[in-house]
Protein backbone atom coordinates (compact mmCIF):
# COMPACT_ATOMS: atom_id res chain seq x y z
CA MET A 1 -67.85 -4.23 14.80
CA PRO A 2 -68.56 -3.52 11.09
CA LEU A 3 -66.29 -4.23 8.29
CA SER A 4 -63.79 -1.40 6.87
CA TYR A 5 -64.12 -0.19 3.67
CA HIS A 6 -61.36 -2.46 1.93
CA GLU A 7 -63.48 -5.97 3.80
CA GLN A 8 -66.63 -4.88 2.31
CA GLU A 9 -65.20 -4.77 -1.34
CA ASP A 10 -63.69 -8.06 -0.71
CA LYS A 11 -67.07 -10.08 0.41
CA LYS A 12 -68.87 -8.21 -2.81
CA ILE A 13 -66.53 -10.04 -5.15
CA TYR A 14 -66.38 -12.92 -3.32
CA LEU A 15 -70.03 -13.05 -3.29
CA LYS A 16 -70.13 -12.38 -6.92
CA LEU A 17 -67.19 -14.90 -7.53
CA LYS A 18 -69.37 -17.68 -5.62
CA GLU A 19 -72.33 -16.61 -8.10
CA LEU A 20 -70.50 -16.95 -11.63
CA LEU A 21 -69.05 -20.22 -10.36
CA LYS A 22 -72.39 -21.45 -9.88
CA GLU A 23 -72.90 -20.96 -14.18
CA LEU A 24 -69.24 -22.56 -14.63
CA PRO A 25 -68.47 -26.34 -15.42
CA LEU A 26 -68.32 -27.83 -12.28
CA PHE A 27 -64.24 -28.61 -13.05
CA CYS A 28 -63.71 -25.15 -12.54
CA THR A 29 -63.80 -25.53 -9.16
CA ALA A 30 -60.60 -27.45 -9.22
CA PHE A 31 -58.80 -24.38 -10.99
CA PHE A 32 -60.08 -21.67 -8.77
CA ARG A 33 -59.23 -23.41 -5.42
CA GLY A 34 -55.59 -24.29 -6.41
CA ILE A 35 -54.96 -20.25 -7.58
CA GLU A 36 -56.90 -18.73 -4.95
CA PRO A 37 -53.35 -19.07 -2.62
CA ARG A 38 -50.90 -17.02 -5.18
CA THR A 39 -53.63 -14.61 -6.51
CA GLN A 40 -55.63 -12.20 -6.02
CA SER A 41 -59.49 -11.82 -5.58
CA ARG A 42 -60.01 -9.28 -8.27
CA THR A 43 -57.58 -11.74 -10.53
CA ARG A 44 -60.05 -14.77 -10.14
CA LEU A 45 -63.16 -12.97 -10.30
CA ALA A 46 -62.04 -11.50 -14.22
CA TYR A 47 -60.99 -15.29 -14.95
CA ALA A 48 -64.75 -16.48 -13.89
CA TYR A 49 -65.93 -13.22 -16.40
CA ASP A 50 -62.96 -14.68 -19.06
CA LEU A 51 -63.86 -18.30 -18.79
CA GLY A 52 -67.62 -17.53 -18.70
CA ILE A 53 -66.98 -16.26 -22.53
CA PHE A 54 -64.97 -19.01 -23.30
CA PHE A 55 -67.84 -21.41 -22.60
CA HIS A 56 -70.52 -19.35 -24.41
CA PHE A 57 -68.21 -19.18 -27.50
CA LEU A 58 -68.19 -23.37 -27.31
CA LYS A 59 -71.93 -23.41 -27.10
CA GLU A 60 -72.50 -20.93 -29.39
CA THR A 61 -70.46 -22.34 -32.35
CA ASN A 62 -69.93 -26.05 -31.76
CA PRO A 63 -72.38 -28.17 -32.57
CA LEU A 64 -71.84 -30.78 -30.19
CA TYR A 65 -72.41 -28.34 -27.02
CA LYS A 66 -75.37 -26.09 -28.77
CA ASN A 67 -78.20 -28.12 -26.47
CA SER A 68 -76.01 -28.68 -23.63
CA GLU A 69 -75.74 -26.39 -20.36
CA ILE A 70 -72.52 -25.02 -19.70
CA ARG A 71 -72.71 -26.36 -15.75
CA ASP A 72 -73.26 -29.45 -16.87
CA LEU A 73 -70.03 -29.57 -19.43
CA ASP A 74 -67.73 -32.46 -19.06
CA ILE A 75 -63.67 -31.84 -18.86
CA SER A 76 -63.61 -33.94 -22.04
CA VAL A 77 -64.72 -30.83 -23.99
CA MET A 78 -61.04 -29.82 -22.62
CA ASP A 79 -59.22 -32.28 -24.59
CA SER A 80 -61.51 -31.57 -27.89
CA VAL A 81 -60.37 -27.83 -28.32
CA ASN A 82 -57.45 -27.71 -30.43
CA ALA A 83 -55.33 -24.67 -31.35
CA ARG A 84 -57.29 -23.75 -34.37
CA ASP A 85 -60.52 -23.69 -32.20
CA ILE A 86 -58.88 -21.07 -30.08
CA GLU A 87 -57.34 -18.84 -32.83
CA GLU A 88 -60.89 -18.57 -33.64
CA TYR A 89 -62.23 -17.76 -30.69
CA MET A 90 -59.78 -15.06 -30.58
CA GLU A 91 -61.70 -13.97 -33.73
CA TYR A 92 -64.92 -14.35 -32.18
CA LEU A 93 -63.44 -11.64 -29.11
CA LYS A 94 -62.78 -9.28 -31.49
CA TYR A 95 -65.78 -8.91 -33.50
CA ARG A 96 -69.54 -9.23 -32.76
CA PRO A 97 -72.35 -9.65 -35.23
CA GLY A 98 -74.29 -6.13 -35.35
CA SER A 99 -77.59 -4.65 -37.23
CA ASP A 100 -75.49 -4.47 -40.49
CA GLU A 101 -72.20 -5.35 -40.31
CA TYR A 102 -69.77 -6.37 -37.37
CA GLU A 103 -68.62 -3.79 -35.00
CA ILE A 104 -65.61 -4.29 -32.15
CA ALA A 105 -66.50 -5.94 -29.32
CA ASN A 106 -63.10 -6.26 -27.31
CA LYS A 107 -60.27 -4.35 -28.33
CA GLU A 108 -56.29 -5.94 -28.07
CA ASN A 109 -55.87 -5.27 -24.23
CA GLY A 110 -59.52 -6.78 -24.24
CA VAL A 111 -58.21 -10.07 -26.33
CA LYS A 112 -54.88 -10.19 -24.61
CA ARG A 113 -55.88 -10.49 -21.21
CA LYS A 114 -59.37 -13.15 -21.89
CA ILE A 115 -56.51 -15.49 -23.94
CA SER A 116 -54.46 -14.98 -20.74
CA SER A 117 -56.63 -16.21 -18.53
CA LEU A 118 -57.29 -19.11 -21.08
CA LYS A 119 -53.73 -20.19 -21.34
CA SER A 120 -53.76 -20.06 -17.18
CA PHE A 121 -56.44 -22.55 -17.37
CA TYR A 122 -55.05 -24.87 -19.90
CA ASN A 123 -52.09 -24.60 -17.83
CA TYR A 124 -53.56 -25.61 -14.38
CA LEU A 125 -55.20 -28.80 -15.90
CA TYR A 126 -52.67 -30.02 -18.03
CA GLU A 127 -49.66 -29.40 -15.17
CA ASN A 128 -51.93 -31.34 -12.93
CA GLU A 129 -53.00 -34.07 -15.25
CA MET A 130 -56.52 -33.20 -15.51
CA ILE A 131 -55.90 -33.23 -19.63
CA SER A 132 -54.07 -34.92 -22.28
CA SER A 133 -52.72 -31.70 -24.13
CA ASN A 134 -52.62 -28.48 -23.94
CA PRO A 135 -53.27 -26.20 -27.42
CA ALA A 136 -53.27 -23.25 -25.53
CA ALA A 137 -49.50 -23.33 -25.43
CA LEU A 138 -49.54 -23.56 -29.20
CA VAL A 139 -51.30 -20.23 -29.40
CA HIS A 140 -49.23 -16.88 -29.44
CA LEU A 141 -50.70 -14.25 -26.91
CA PRO A 142 -51.87 -10.57 -29.35
CA LYS A 143 -49.63 -8.39 -29.88
CA ILE A 144 -50.42 -5.08 -28.22
CA ARG A 145 -49.29 -2.15 -30.12
CA GLU A 146 -47.24 0.53 -27.80
CA LYS A 147 -49.41 3.70 -27.30
CA GLU A 148 -48.00 6.84 -26.13
CA ILE A 149 -48.53 8.42 -22.33
CA ILE A 150 -51.26 10.74 -22.30
CA ARG A 151 -50.18 12.47 -19.28
CA LEU A 152 -50.69 16.30 -18.37
CA ASP A 153 -48.03 18.87 -18.51
CA TYR A 154 -46.62 21.15 -15.64
CA ASP A 155 -48.72 23.86 -16.87
CA GLU A 156 -52.21 21.61 -17.50
CA VAL A 157 -52.08 20.11 -13.69
CA ALA A 158 -51.59 24.25 -12.60
CA ARG A 159 -54.64 25.05 -14.68
CA LEU A 160 -56.33 21.59 -13.22
CA LEU A 161 -56.10 22.72 -9.73
CA ASP A 162 -56.92 26.08 -10.47
CA GLU A 163 -60.22 25.15 -12.15
CA ALA A 164 -61.01 22.41 -9.17
CA GLU A 165 -60.47 25.58 -6.99
CA SER A 166 -62.34 28.29 -8.72
CA GLY A 167 -65.28 26.16 -11.30
CA GLU A 168 -65.36 29.42 -13.72
CA GLN A 169 -65.26 26.79 -17.17
CA LEU A 170 -68.19 24.71 -15.08
CA THR A 171 -71.80 24.65 -16.62
CA GLU A 172 -74.58 26.68 -14.30
CA LYS A 173 -75.62 23.31 -12.92
CA GLN A 174 -72.12 21.94 -12.29
CA LYS A 175 -71.62 25.34 -10.71
CA THR A 176 -74.18 24.62 -8.19
CA TYR A 177 -72.52 21.20 -7.00
CA HIS A 178 -68.82 22.70 -7.27
CA LYS A 179 -69.95 24.99 -4.07
CA LEU A 180 -70.53 22.04 -2.14
CA THR A 181 -67.35 19.83 -3.48
CA ARG A 182 -64.86 22.66 -3.72
CA LYS A 183 -62.88 21.78 -0.57
CA ARG A 184 -63.08 17.86 -1.03
CA ASP A 185 -61.89 18.05 -4.81
CA VAL A 186 -59.37 19.94 -4.60
CA ALA A 187 -58.25 17.31 -2.00
CA ILE A 188 -58.92 14.42 -4.30
CA LEU A 189 -56.85 15.77 -7.18
CA SER A 190 -54.43 17.60 -4.94
CA LEU A 191 -53.42 13.56 -3.28
CA LEU A 192 -53.57 11.80 -7.01
CA LEU A 193 -51.22 14.14 -8.54
CA GLY A 194 -49.32 14.60 -5.72
CA THR A 195 -48.89 11.33 -4.72
CA GLY A 196 -49.58 9.07 -8.05
CA MET A 197 -52.02 6.93 -5.97
CA ARG A 198 -54.19 4.67 -7.70
CA ILE A 199 -58.02 5.99 -7.85
CA SER A 200 -59.44 2.86 -5.43
CA GLU A 201 -56.79 3.50 -2.95
CA CYS A 202 -57.82 7.18 -2.61
CA VAL A 203 -61.45 6.63 -2.54
CA GLY A 204 -60.40 4.48 0.33
CA ILE A 205 -58.57 6.25 2.99
CA ASP A 206 -60.29 6.22 6.11
CA LEU A 207 -59.64 9.69 8.41
CA LYS A 208 -56.93 7.51 10.55
CA ASP A 209 -54.99 6.56 7.69
CA ILE A 210 -53.72 10.36 6.85
CA ASP A 211 -51.53 12.00 9.23
CA ILE A 212 -51.22 16.37 7.98
CA GLU A 213 -48.33 16.82 10.69
CA GLU A 214 -46.30 13.90 8.86
CA THR A 215 -47.57 14.92 5.32
CA ALA A 216 -48.04 10.81 5.18
CA VAL A 217 -50.95 8.43 4.28
CA ARG A 218 -51.38 4.90 5.02
CA LEU A 219 -52.81 3.07 1.53
CA HIS A 220 -54.42 -0.20 1.04
CA ARG A 221 -52.37 -1.70 -2.41
CA LYS A 222 -53.15 -4.49 -4.34
CA GLY A 223 -52.94 -7.92 -3.10
CA GLY A 224 -53.89 -6.48 0.57
CA LYS A 225 -50.79 -4.84 1.55
CA GLU A 226 -50.80 -1.24 3.45
CA GLU A 227 -47.58 1.00 2.27
CA THR A 228 -47.49 4.54 3.90
CA VAL A 229 -47.09 7.14 1.39
CA TYR A 230 -45.38 11.16 1.79
CA PHE A 231 -47.06 14.27 -0.05
CA SER A 232 -45.66 17.56 -0.57
CA ASP A 233 -46.29 20.74 2.26
CA GLU A 234 -48.17 21.80 -0.87
CA VAL A 235 -50.67 18.48 -1.08
CA ALA A 236 -51.12 19.18 2.54
CA GLU A 237 -52.28 22.60 2.39
CA ALA A 238 -55.04 21.80 0.21
CA LEU A 239 -55.72 18.84 2.21
CA LYS A 240 -56.50 21.08 5.81
CA PRO A 241 -59.59 22.74 4.41
CA TYR A 242 -61.43 19.81 3.65
CA ILE A 243 -60.33 17.87 6.84
CA GLU A 244 -61.67 20.87 8.63
CA GLU A 245 -64.60 20.79 6.74
CA ARG A 246 -65.12 16.97 7.08
CA LYS A 247 -64.95 17.24 11.00
CA ASN A 248 -68.37 18.81 10.84
CA ILE A 249 -70.36 16.22 8.62
CA ASN A 250 -71.98 13.27 9.83
CA ALA A 251 -71.67 10.53 7.64
CA CYS A 252 -74.07 7.69 6.88
CA PRO A 253 -74.32 4.21 8.64
CA GLY A 254 -70.95 2.01 7.08
CA SER A 255 -68.85 5.46 6.17
CA GLU A 256 -68.24 6.75 9.01
CA ASN A 257 -64.60 6.63 9.24
CA ALA A 258 -64.13 7.75 5.17
CA LEU A 259 -62.61 10.60 4.38
CA PHE A 260 -64.07 11.42 1.24
CA LEU A 261 -67.69 11.37 0.96
CA SER A 262 -70.62 11.94 -1.94
CA LEU A 263 -73.18 14.65 -1.49
CA GLN A 264 -75.31 11.84 0.60
CA ASN A 265 -72.72 11.66 2.71
CA ARG A 266 -71.28 8.04 2.03
CA ARG A 267 -68.17 7.27 1.32
CA ILE A 268 -67.36 8.70 -2.55
CA SER A 269 -67.38 5.92 -5.14
CA VAL A 270 -64.56 5.05 -7.65
CA ARG A 271 -67.08 6.07 -10.45
CA SER A 272 -67.91 9.35 -8.93
CA ALA A 273 -64.71 10.03 -8.51
CA GLU A 274 -63.87 9.10 -12.04
CA ASN A 275 -66.51 11.30 -13.36
CA MET A 276 -65.49 14.05 -10.85
CA VAL A 277 -61.52 14.17 -12.61
CA LYS A 278 -63.28 13.91 -16.11
CA LYS A 279 -65.21 17.09 -15.42
CA TYR A 280 -62.80 18.91 -14.59
CA ALA A 281 -60.51 18.07 -17.13
CA GLN A 282 -62.66 18.23 -19.93
CA ALA A 283 -62.85 22.34 -19.45
CA VAL A 284 -59.05 22.92 -19.32
CA THR A 285 -57.99 20.13 -21.73
CA PRO A 286 -60.79 18.99 -23.92
CA LEU A 287 -58.35 17.45 -26.29
CA LYS A 288 -56.61 14.57 -23.96
CA HIS A 289 -58.71 11.85 -22.40
CA ILE A 290 -57.62 12.57 -19.19
CA THR A 291 -58.69 9.54 -16.10
CA PRO A 292 -57.04 9.08 -12.81
CA HIS A 293 -54.61 6.64 -14.43
CA LYS A 294 -53.78 9.48 -16.22
CA LEU A 295 -53.23 11.33 -13.48
CA ARG A 296 -50.59 8.95 -12.13
CA SER A 297 -49.22 8.95 -14.97
CA THR A 298 -48.45 12.39 -14.81
CA TYR A 299 -47.20 11.75 -11.18
CA GLY A 300 -44.70 8.97 -12.16
CA THR A 301 -43.75 10.59 -14.99
CA HIS A 302 -43.08 13.99 -13.36
CA LEU A 303 -40.96 12.05 -10.43
CA TYR A 304 -38.97 10.36 -13.14
CA GLN A 305 -37.54 13.13 -14.83
CA GLU A 306 -36.93 15.03 -11.72
CA THR A 307 -35.28 11.99 -10.26
CA GLY A 308 -34.16 9.96 -13.05
CA ASP A 309 -34.74 7.02 -10.46
CA ILE A 310 -37.06 4.19 -12.23
CA TYR A 311 -36.72 2.44 -9.26
CA LEU A 312 -38.10 4.99 -6.87
CA VAL A 313 -40.81 5.50 -9.38
CA ALA A 314 -42.23 1.99 -9.40
CA ASP A 315 -41.40 2.01 -5.24
CA VAL A 316 -43.92 5.09 -4.71
CA LEU A 317 -46.67 4.24 -7.70
CA GLY A 318 -46.20 0.80 -5.87
CA HIS A 319 -45.34 -1.47 -8.85
CA SER A 320 -44.37 -4.72 -7.21
CA ASP A 321 -42.32 -5.20 -10.87
CA VAL A 322 -39.78 -2.51 -11.64
CA ASN A 323 -40.61 -3.60 -15.58
CA THR A 324 -44.23 -2.41 -15.35
CA THR A 325 -42.48 1.00 -14.70
CA LYS A 326 -40.23 0.87 -17.54
CA LYS A 327 -42.40 0.03 -19.77
CA HIS A 328 -45.07 2.53 -19.15
CA TYR A 329 -42.09 5.22 -19.14
CA ALA A 330 -39.77 3.78 -21.56
CA ALA A 331 -41.08 6.31 -23.95
CA ILE A 332 -39.50 8.92 -21.45
CA ASN A 333 -36.70 6.97 -21.30
CA GLU A 334 -36.01 7.47 -25.54
CA ASP A 335 -36.33 10.96 -24.62
CA ARG A 336 -33.34 11.27 -22.78
CA ARG A 337 -31.60 9.16 -24.63
CA ARG A 338 -31.83 11.59 -27.55
CA ALA A 339 -31.14 14.59 -25.52
CA ALA A 340 -27.65 12.74 -24.60
CA ARG A 341 -26.47 13.28 -28.55
CA LYS A 342 -26.05 16.44 -27.85
CA ALA A 343 -24.28 16.22 -24.06
CA VAL A 344 -20.80 15.26 -25.61
CA ARG A 345 -18.89 17.18 -27.80
CA LEU A 346 -16.10 15.35 -29.98
CA ARG A 347 -14.25 18.51 -31.23
CA GLU A 348 -14.44 22.08 -29.69
CA GLU A 349 -15.99 24.84 -31.58
CA PRO A 350 -13.21 27.09 -32.68
CA ASP A 351 -12.54 30.81 -31.07
């Protein structure tokens, strides 16, 4: 029996992680084995990438390890690192030498993630008495500046869907492909804007996962859990033409169950779907950098504006922690608080 899309993705991650572990010091294996029960496979893969960068930093900047292979480093190297070294590592992450001047290597979020990975690694080693001190505990994570949520307004949502329907503002070359993908593109955009699902969840939908009559779709969320999400009749009407078209397409082996296909009749990839969103968004909102995640933010924003229920928004978006949702939509709360100043009058206006 062929592997499902999600099983195939898990297998790819497993093989990549196995490959990366061969390049890390042997003592790292205990860390990855220890965190496996409580972390997702993608999280462990990110840790492997991040720790690889840290050990390359040690090899490049510390004369003691210059001639050593990373794979052969002993755990004593972790005890030799102090808080100052980790602060220097943060600087190392921010900039890399260019031809004439330093160029940015990692933005704030990238630096924070890599330091968080290092902290988790040190915490594990220290708690399991594999090292005698924990210098990472003395280093503060970089502060992330709050960014404005980029999202589409209601009229921009309508224009985006209209453009996907008509393709009027596309180039001549794009219009050629548009004739072949119009129904699929409208269906994908309608699902993203009408449910707030992640793009990875969208491309992972199988034919058996969607029920037009019940206006429901089964999604494979982060962490492997399955959830049923409901969509409006308007979204259902956008899906119907493509689903009828899909019935007459013979998908390539391995993609027979996929709902959304590429022009090669294979399951559409996340990258291709991202490029599709970008193509239509640039035509209608050239000043906004719109990605599938921004469409997710658009849905979350509109749902919160309509209901005022942050817990409902968190549940529908599949956030495991409502604080994540509150953080993303703090700006809307501020707008609501501003509007409240005019809601209560202290004195009636004179007749």
